[in-house]
N, C-alpha and C. Protein backbone atom coordinates (compact mmCIF):
# COMPACT_ATOMS: atom_id res chain seq x y z
N VAL A 1 195.64 -138.09 -143.80
CA VAL A 1 196.78 -138.89 -144.22
C VAL A 1 196.61 -140.29 -143.63
N THR A 2 196.75 -141.29 -144.47
CA THR A 2 196.55 -142.67 -144.04
C THR A 2 197.72 -143.14 -143.17
N PRO A 3 197.50 -144.18 -142.37
CA PRO A 3 198.60 -144.74 -141.57
C PRO A 3 199.77 -145.21 -142.43
N ALA A 4 199.50 -145.73 -143.62
CA ALA A 4 200.58 -146.18 -144.49
C ALA A 4 201.46 -145.01 -144.93
N ILE A 5 200.83 -143.89 -145.25
CA ILE A 5 201.58 -142.68 -145.62
C ILE A 5 202.38 -142.18 -144.42
N GLN A 6 201.76 -142.18 -143.25
CA GLN A 6 202.46 -141.76 -142.04
C GLN A 6 203.69 -142.63 -141.80
N ARG A 7 203.54 -143.96 -141.96
CA ARG A 7 204.67 -144.87 -141.75
C ARG A 7 205.77 -144.59 -142.76
N THR A 8 205.41 -144.34 -144.01
CA THR A 8 206.40 -144.03 -145.05
C THR A 8 207.19 -142.78 -144.69
N VAL A 9 206.50 -141.76 -144.21
CA VAL A 9 207.16 -140.50 -143.84
C VAL A 9 208.07 -140.73 -142.63
N LEU A 10 207.58 -141.43 -141.62
CA LEU A 10 208.38 -141.67 -140.42
C LEU A 10 209.61 -142.54 -140.72
N ASP A 11 209.46 -143.48 -141.62
CA ASP A 11 210.57 -144.38 -141.96
C ASP A 11 211.72 -143.65 -142.66
N GLN A 12 211.47 -142.45 -143.13
CA GLN A 12 212.52 -141.68 -143.80
C GLN A 12 213.46 -141.00 -142.80
N GLY A 13 213.13 -141.08 -141.53
CA GLY A 13 214.03 -140.57 -140.50
C GLY A 13 213.83 -139.11 -140.14
N SER A 14 214.81 -138.61 -139.43
CA SER A 14 214.77 -137.27 -138.86
C SER A 14 214.75 -136.17 -139.93
N LEU A 15 214.16 -135.06 -139.55
CA LEU A 15 214.12 -133.88 -140.41
C LEU A 15 215.15 -132.84 -139.97
N THR A 16 216.04 -133.20 -139.05
CA THR A 16 216.99 -132.23 -138.51
C THR A 16 217.95 -131.68 -139.55
N SER A 17 218.19 -132.44 -140.62
CA SER A 17 219.10 -131.95 -141.65
C SER A 17 218.40 -131.06 -142.67
N CYS A 18 217.09 -130.93 -142.56
CA CYS A 18 216.33 -130.08 -143.50
C CYS A 18 216.47 -128.61 -143.11
N ARG A 19 216.60 -127.76 -144.11
CA ARG A 19 216.66 -126.33 -143.84
C ARG A 19 215.37 -125.88 -143.18
N ASP A 20 214.25 -126.40 -143.69
CA ASP A 20 212.93 -126.09 -143.12
C ASP A 20 212.23 -127.42 -142.86
N PRO A 21 212.27 -127.92 -141.61
CA PRO A 21 211.67 -129.22 -141.30
C PRO A 21 210.18 -129.30 -141.65
N ASN A 22 209.46 -128.19 -141.53
CA ASN A 22 208.04 -128.20 -141.88
C ASN A 22 207.84 -128.48 -143.36
N ALA A 23 208.59 -127.80 -144.18
CA ALA A 23 208.52 -128.02 -145.62
C ALA A 23 209.00 -129.43 -145.97
N GLY A 24 210.02 -129.89 -145.27
CA GLY A 24 210.53 -131.24 -145.50
C GLY A 24 209.48 -132.29 -145.21
N CYS A 25 208.75 -132.11 -144.12
CA CYS A 25 207.70 -133.05 -143.75
C CYS A 25 206.59 -133.04 -144.79
N ILE A 26 206.14 -131.86 -145.18
CA ILE A 26 205.08 -131.75 -146.17
C ILE A 26 205.53 -132.35 -147.50
N GLY A 27 206.76 -132.13 -147.86
CA GLY A 27 207.30 -132.70 -149.10
C GLY A 27 207.31 -134.22 -149.06
N ARG A 28 207.70 -134.76 -147.92
CA ARG A 28 207.71 -136.22 -147.79
C ARG A 28 206.30 -136.79 -147.88
N ILE A 29 205.34 -136.10 -147.29
CA ILE A 29 203.95 -136.55 -147.36
C ILE A 29 203.48 -136.55 -148.80
N ARG A 30 203.73 -135.46 -149.51
CA ARG A 30 203.30 -135.36 -150.92
C ARG A 30 203.95 -136.45 -151.77
N LYS A 31 205.23 -136.67 -151.54
CA LYS A 31 205.94 -137.69 -152.30
C LYS A 31 205.35 -139.07 -152.02
N ALA A 32 205.09 -139.36 -150.76
CA ALA A 32 204.52 -140.65 -150.38
C ALA A 32 203.13 -140.84 -150.97
N GLN A 33 202.34 -139.76 -151.01
CA GLN A 33 200.99 -139.84 -151.55
C GLN A 33 200.99 -140.07 -153.05
N SER A 34 202.00 -139.58 -153.72
CA SER A 34 202.03 -139.71 -155.18
C SER A 34 202.71 -141.00 -155.64
N ALA A 35 203.39 -141.68 -154.72
CA ALA A 35 204.08 -142.92 -155.07
C ALA A 35 203.08 -144.06 -155.20
N PRO A 36 203.36 -144.99 -156.10
CA PRO A 36 202.47 -146.15 -156.19
C PRO A 36 202.56 -146.95 -154.90
N VAL A 37 201.43 -147.45 -154.47
CA VAL A 37 201.37 -148.22 -153.23
C VAL A 37 201.76 -149.66 -153.53
N PRO A 38 202.83 -150.15 -152.88
CA PRO A 38 203.21 -151.54 -153.13
C PRO A 38 202.14 -152.49 -152.60
N VAL A 39 201.87 -153.50 -153.38
CA VAL A 39 200.87 -154.47 -152.97
C VAL A 39 201.60 -155.71 -152.46
N ALA A 40 201.47 -155.94 -151.17
CA ALA A 40 202.10 -157.11 -150.58
C ALA A 40 201.17 -158.31 -150.76
N ALA A 41 201.79 -159.44 -150.96
CA ALA A 41 201.00 -160.66 -151.12
C ALA A 41 200.26 -160.99 -149.82
N ALA A 42 199.03 -161.36 -149.97
CA ALA A 42 198.24 -161.77 -148.81
C ALA A 42 198.84 -163.04 -148.24
N PRO A 43 198.86 -163.16 -146.91
CA PRO A 43 199.39 -164.39 -146.32
C PRO A 43 198.45 -165.55 -146.62
N ASP A 44 199.02 -166.74 -146.83
CA ASP A 44 198.16 -167.90 -147.06
C ASP A 44 197.76 -168.49 -145.70
N GLN A 45 196.84 -169.43 -145.73
CA GLN A 45 196.31 -170.00 -144.49
C GLN A 45 197.39 -170.66 -143.66
N ASP A 46 198.34 -171.34 -144.30
CA ASP A 46 199.42 -171.99 -143.56
C ASP A 46 200.27 -170.96 -142.81
N GLU A 47 200.54 -169.84 -143.45
CA GLU A 47 201.34 -168.78 -142.82
C GLU A 47 200.59 -168.19 -141.63
N LEU A 48 199.30 -167.98 -141.78
CA LEU A 48 198.49 -167.46 -140.68
C LEU A 48 198.44 -168.46 -139.52
N ASP A 49 198.20 -169.74 -139.85
CA ASP A 49 198.14 -170.77 -138.81
C ASP A 49 199.45 -170.88 -138.05
N GLU A 50 200.56 -170.79 -138.78
CA GLU A 50 201.87 -170.86 -138.14
C GLU A 50 202.09 -169.68 -137.18
N PHE A 51 201.70 -168.49 -137.62
CA PHE A 51 201.84 -167.30 -136.77
C PHE A 51 201.00 -167.45 -135.50
N ILE A 52 199.78 -167.90 -135.67
CA ILE A 52 198.88 -168.09 -134.52
C ILE A 52 199.48 -169.11 -133.55
N ARG A 53 199.96 -170.21 -134.09
CA ARG A 53 200.54 -171.27 -133.25
C ARG A 53 201.83 -170.80 -132.56
N GLU A 54 202.74 -170.22 -133.32
CA GLU A 54 204.04 -169.79 -132.76
C GLU A 54 203.89 -168.72 -131.69
N ASN A 55 202.82 -167.92 -131.78
CA ASN A 55 202.63 -166.84 -130.82
C ASN A 55 201.58 -167.17 -129.77
N SER A 56 201.11 -168.42 -129.78
CA SER A 56 200.15 -168.91 -128.79
C SER A 56 198.95 -167.97 -128.65
N LEU A 57 198.41 -167.54 -129.79
CA LEU A 57 197.27 -166.63 -129.75
C LEU A 57 196.03 -167.34 -129.24
N ASN A 58 195.25 -166.66 -128.41
CA ASN A 58 193.99 -167.23 -127.94
C ASN A 58 192.96 -167.13 -129.06
N GLU A 59 191.77 -167.69 -128.83
CA GLU A 59 190.74 -167.73 -129.86
C GLU A 59 190.33 -166.33 -130.32
N ARG A 60 190.21 -165.42 -129.37
CA ARG A 60 189.79 -164.06 -129.71
C ARG A 60 190.79 -163.38 -130.63
N ALA A 61 192.08 -163.48 -130.28
CA ALA A 61 193.11 -162.84 -131.11
C ALA A 61 193.23 -163.53 -132.47
N ALA A 62 193.14 -164.85 -132.48
CA ALA A 62 193.22 -165.59 -133.74
C ALA A 62 192.05 -165.21 -134.65
N ASP A 63 190.86 -165.14 -134.09
CA ASP A 63 189.69 -164.76 -134.89
C ASP A 63 189.82 -163.34 -135.44
N ALA A 64 190.39 -162.44 -134.63
CA ALA A 64 190.58 -161.06 -135.09
C ALA A 64 191.55 -161.03 -136.26
N LEU A 65 192.63 -161.79 -136.15
CA LEU A 65 193.61 -161.83 -137.24
C LEU A 65 193.00 -162.46 -138.49
N LEU A 66 192.33 -163.58 -138.33
CA LEU A 66 191.74 -164.28 -139.47
C LEU A 66 190.62 -163.47 -140.13
N GLY A 67 189.95 -162.63 -139.35
CA GLY A 67 188.86 -161.82 -139.88
C GLY A 67 189.30 -160.49 -140.47
N ALA A 68 190.57 -160.17 -140.30
CA ALA A 68 191.09 -158.89 -140.80
C ALA A 68 191.30 -158.97 -142.31
N PRO A 69 191.29 -157.83 -142.98
CA PRO A 69 191.59 -157.83 -144.43
C PRO A 69 193.00 -158.35 -144.67
N PRO A 70 193.24 -158.96 -145.82
CA PRO A 70 194.57 -159.51 -146.12
C PRO A 70 195.71 -158.51 -145.95
N SER A 71 195.49 -157.24 -146.28
CA SER A 71 196.56 -156.25 -146.13
C SER A 71 196.92 -156.05 -144.66
N VAL A 72 195.93 -156.10 -143.79
CA VAL A 72 196.18 -155.97 -142.35
C VAL A 72 196.88 -157.22 -141.83
N GLN A 73 196.44 -158.38 -142.27
CA GLN A 73 197.10 -159.62 -141.88
C GLN A 73 198.58 -159.56 -142.24
N ARG A 74 198.87 -159.11 -143.47
CA ARG A 74 200.26 -159.03 -143.93
C ARG A 74 201.05 -158.08 -143.04
N GLN A 75 200.48 -156.94 -142.68
CA GLN A 75 201.20 -155.99 -141.81
C GLN A 75 201.49 -156.60 -140.46
N VAL A 76 200.54 -157.33 -139.90
CA VAL A 76 200.73 -157.96 -138.59
C VAL A 76 201.86 -158.99 -138.69
N LEU A 77 201.81 -159.86 -139.67
CA LEU A 77 202.82 -160.89 -139.80
C LEU A 77 204.20 -160.30 -140.09
N ASP A 78 204.24 -159.24 -140.88
CA ASP A 78 205.52 -158.61 -141.22
C ASP A 78 206.20 -157.94 -140.03
N GLN A 79 205.45 -157.68 -138.97
CA GLN A 79 206.03 -157.08 -137.77
C GLN A 79 206.80 -158.11 -136.96
N GLY A 80 206.64 -159.38 -137.27
CA GLY A 80 207.40 -160.43 -136.62
C GLY A 80 206.72 -161.01 -135.40
N SER A 81 207.49 -161.81 -134.70
CA SER A 81 207.00 -162.53 -133.54
C SER A 81 206.52 -161.61 -132.43
N LEU A 82 205.56 -162.09 -131.68
CA LEU A 82 205.04 -161.33 -130.54
C LEU A 82 205.80 -161.67 -129.25
N HIS A 83 206.80 -162.52 -129.35
CA HIS A 83 207.58 -162.92 -128.17
C HIS A 83 208.88 -162.15 -128.12
C-alpha cells in the first residue's frame, strides 16, 4: 500500500464506530485504491523559492527539495511552514 493510500485511510479517522474495525480498514484501503488519484499542480519556481526563503532552508535542504519530483515538492509545500 502506497503512502498516499495510507494517508487517505488515516484521514478518514477512527474505526471505533465500525462493527468490525478490521473489515472497515480493509474496505477503506480498497476504496482508496480504486479512487482516481487527484493530480495536484506542480509548484512553480517562484513558489519553491519562496518556501525555501521563508523557511531559511540551507543549501542541502533546498537542493533536496528542488531535486524531488514535483508531486513530492507539492506535498512538502502543502504541509505548510516549517516554523
